[in-house]
Amino acid sequence: MLMRSEPFTEVNRLAQQLFGAAPSGTWSRPTTMPVDAIRNGDNFVIAFDLPGVQADDIDIDVERNVLTVRAERRPIDLGDQAVTQLTERPLGVFSRQLFLGDALDTEHIDAAYENGVLVLRIPIAEKAKPRKVAVTAGQTGEQKVITS
């Protein structure tokens, strides 16, 4: 159903942790975002962690079964007198691309954003669901039902 398209995601996260730098993505070099992908009955559910991102700053595209999610987290504007003492929250552009299998109906993706989590629900395509096949046996026209 889903293929990972970023083989070095974990290596990049580990390097960021080792060197102590908070990731700061740009449009040309975005930072990845954590994701969970779960099959739930006839739906495929993908959850992206995007805390602090406004819903208007999230962009979702699907092209030829490639799902791309981009988001931008901007700094909080506290006025002219604010002096930063500590900065650990990553800012900038975040992006993730996932390859979706043909078994998913990308025409009917539902997206919801709440509490910093973007949840996409993608239905399983009808052609990919299990179905019953009727088999006619012999000359008498008896039918046996076989499930696949």
Protein backbone atom coordinates (compact mmCIF):
# COMPACT_ATOMS: atom_id res chain seq x y z
CA MET A 1 0.00 0.00 0.00
CA LEU A 2 2.81 2.42 0.87
CA MET A 3 6.48 2.65 0.00
CA ARG A 4 8.93 4.83 1.91
CA SER A 5 10.53 7.37 -0.39
CA GLU A 6 13.10 8.81 2.02
CA PRO A 7 15.63 6.14 2.98
CA PHE A 8 17.84 8.57 4.91
CA THR A 9 15.14 10.10 7.12
CA GLU A 10 16.27 8.24 10.24
CA VAL A 11 19.94 9.01 9.52
CA ASN A 12 19.13 12.74 9.22
CA ARG A 13 17.17 12.69 12.50
CA LEU A 14 20.02 10.90 14.28
CA ALA A 15 22.57 13.42 12.96
CA GLN A 16 20.39 16.30 14.17
CA GLN A 17 20.16 14.74 17.62
CA LEU A 18 23.91 14.06 17.81
CA PHE A 19 24.93 17.56 16.78
CA GLY A 20 22.25 19.21 18.93
CA ALA A 21 20.97 21.49 16.20
CA ALA A 22 17.27 22.08 15.83
CA PRO A 23 16.35 21.41 12.22
CA SER A 24 15.46 24.45 10.15
CA GLY A 25 14.04 23.65 6.75
CA THR A 26 13.90 25.83 3.67
CA TRP A 27 11.76 25.50 0.54
CA SER A 28 14.73 24.07 -1.35
CA ARG A 29 15.82 21.78 1.52
CA PRO A 30 12.86 21.00 3.79
CA THR A 31 13.06 19.05 7.03
CA THR A 32 11.08 15.80 7.27
CA MET A 33 8.16 15.34 9.64
CA PRO A 34 7.27 12.26 11.71
CA VAL A 35 4.54 10.09 10.20
CA ASP A 36 2.47 7.01 11.08
CA ALA A 37 0.66 4.93 8.44
CA ILE A 38 -2.05 2.47 9.48
CA ARG A 39 -4.58 0.33 7.62
CA ASN A 40 -7.95 0.54 9.34
CA GLY A 41 -10.57 -1.64 7.61
CA ASP A 42 -11.31 -0.14 4.19
CA ASN A 43 -9.21 2.97 4.84
CA PHE A 44 -5.53 3.79 4.93
CA VAL A 45 -4.81 6.39 7.62
CA ILE A 46 -1.67 8.54 7.58
CA ALA A 47 -0.90 10.89 10.49
CA PHE A 48 1.73 13.65 10.28
CA ASP A 49 3.03 15.53 13.34
CA LEU A 50 2.92 19.28 12.63
CA PRO A 51 2.67 21.04 16.00
CA GLY A 52 2.58 24.82 15.80
CA VAL A 53 1.69 24.90 12.10
CA GLN A 54 -1.38 26.84 11.00
CA ALA A 55 -3.84 24.92 8.79
CA ASP A 56 -3.41 27.55 6.04
CA ASP A 57 0.30 26.73 5.91
CA ILE A 58 -0.24 23.07 4.95
CA ASP A 59 -0.14 22.02 1.29
CA ILE A 60 -1.17 18.52 0.15
CA ASP A 61 -0.62 17.28 -3.43
CA VAL A 62 -1.13 13.94 -5.14
CA GLU A 63 0.42 13.33 -8.53
CA ARG A 64 0.74 9.87 -10.08
CA ASN A 65 0.30 8.13 -6.72
CA VAL A 66 2.95 10.29 -5.03
CA LEU A 67 1.57 12.07 -1.98
CA THR A 68 3.45 15.24 -1.00
CA VAL A 69 2.73 17.10 2.23
CA ARG A 70 4.47 20.44 2.82
CA ALA A 71 4.05 22.74 5.79
CA GLU A 72 5.72 25.80 7.20
CA ARG A 73 6.11 26.68 10.86
CA ARG A 74 6.86 30.35 11.42
CA PRO A 75 8.24 31.97 14.56
CA ILE A 76 5.78 33.44 17.03
CA ASP A 77 5.63 37.23 16.79
CA LEU A 78 5.83 38.60 20.32
CA GLY A 79 6.71 42.18 19.43
CA ASP A 80 9.84 44.31 19.37
CA GLN A 81 10.78 43.87 23.03
CA ALA A 82 10.98 40.06 22.95
CA VAL A 83 14.49 38.66 23.39
CA THR A 84 15.05 34.99 22.60
CA GLN A 85 16.64 33.06 25.46
CA LEU A 86 16.36 29.52 24.12
CA THR A 87 15.37 28.13 20.72
CA GLU A 88 14.73 24.38 20.41
CA ARG A 89 11.50 24.22 18.40
CA PRO A 90 12.27 23.67 14.73
CA LEU A 91 11.04 26.36 12.37
CA GLY A 92 10.87 26.54 8.61
CA VAL A 93 9.57 24.22 5.93
CA PHE A 94 8.70 20.56 6.51
CA SER A 95 7.97 18.10 3.72
CA ARG A 96 7.27 14.42 3.26
CA GLN A 97 6.69 12.38 0.11
CA LEU A 98 5.08 8.96 0.19
CA PHE A 99 4.50 6.61 -2.71
CA LEU A 100 0.94 5.27 -2.62
CA GLY A 101 0.07 1.94 -4.19
CA ASP A 102 -2.54 1.47 -6.90
CA ALA A 103 -4.79 -0.18 -4.31
CA LEU A 104 -5.64 3.25 -2.83
CA ASP A 105 -8.34 5.59 -4.15
CA THR A 106 -6.41 8.87 -4.33
CA GLU A 107 -9.44 10.68 -5.77
CA HIS A 108 -11.21 10.55 -2.39
CA ILE A 109 -8.62 11.61 0.20
CA ASP A 110 -10.03 13.22 3.34
CA ALA A 111 -7.74 15.56 5.33
CA ALA A 112 -8.31 16.82 8.88
CA TYR A 113 -6.00 18.90 11.08
CA GLU A 114 -6.44 19.06 14.84
CA ASN A 115 -4.10 19.57 17.80
CA GLY A 116 -1.02 19.70 15.58
CA VAL A 117 -1.72 16.39 13.82
CA LEU A 118 -2.67 16.18 10.14
CA VAL A 119 -4.68 13.01 9.48
CA LEU A 120 -5.28 11.79 5.92
CA ARG A 121 -7.81 9.04 5.27
CA ILE A 122 -7.46 7.30 1.92
CA PRO A 123 -10.05 4.68 1.01
CA ILE A 124 -8.97 1.32 -0.39
CA ALA A 125 -9.96 1.19 -4.08
CA GLU A 126 -12.90 -1.04 -4.94
CA LYS A 127 -10.73 -3.06 -7.34
CA ALA A 128 -8.39 -3.93 -4.45
CA LYS A 129 -11.05 -5.17 -2.02
CA PRO A 130 -11.71 -8.90 -1.62
CA ARG A 131 -14.62 -10.11 -3.72
CA LYS A 132 -16.61 -13.27 -4.32
CA VAL A 133 -16.42 -15.12 -7.61
CA ALA A 134 -19.21 -17.42 -8.78
CA VAL A 135 -18.07 -20.64 -10.45
CA THR A 136 -20.30 -22.72 -12.72
CA ALA A 137 -19.64 -26.45 -12.41
CA GLY A 138 -20.29 -28.91 -15.26
CA GLN A 139 -23.23 -28.97 -17.68
CA THR A 140 -25.98 -28.66 -15.08
CA GLY A 141 -25.28 -25.05 -14.30
CA GLU A 142 -24.65 -25.61 -10.57
CA GLN A 143 -22.86 -22.70 -8.99
CA LYS A 144 -20.31 -22.78 -6.21
CA VAL A 145 -19.19 -19.60 -4.53
CA ILE A 146 -15.47 -19.22 -3.98
CA THR A 147 -14.08 -16.32 -1.99
CA SER A 148 -10.75 -14.86 -2.93
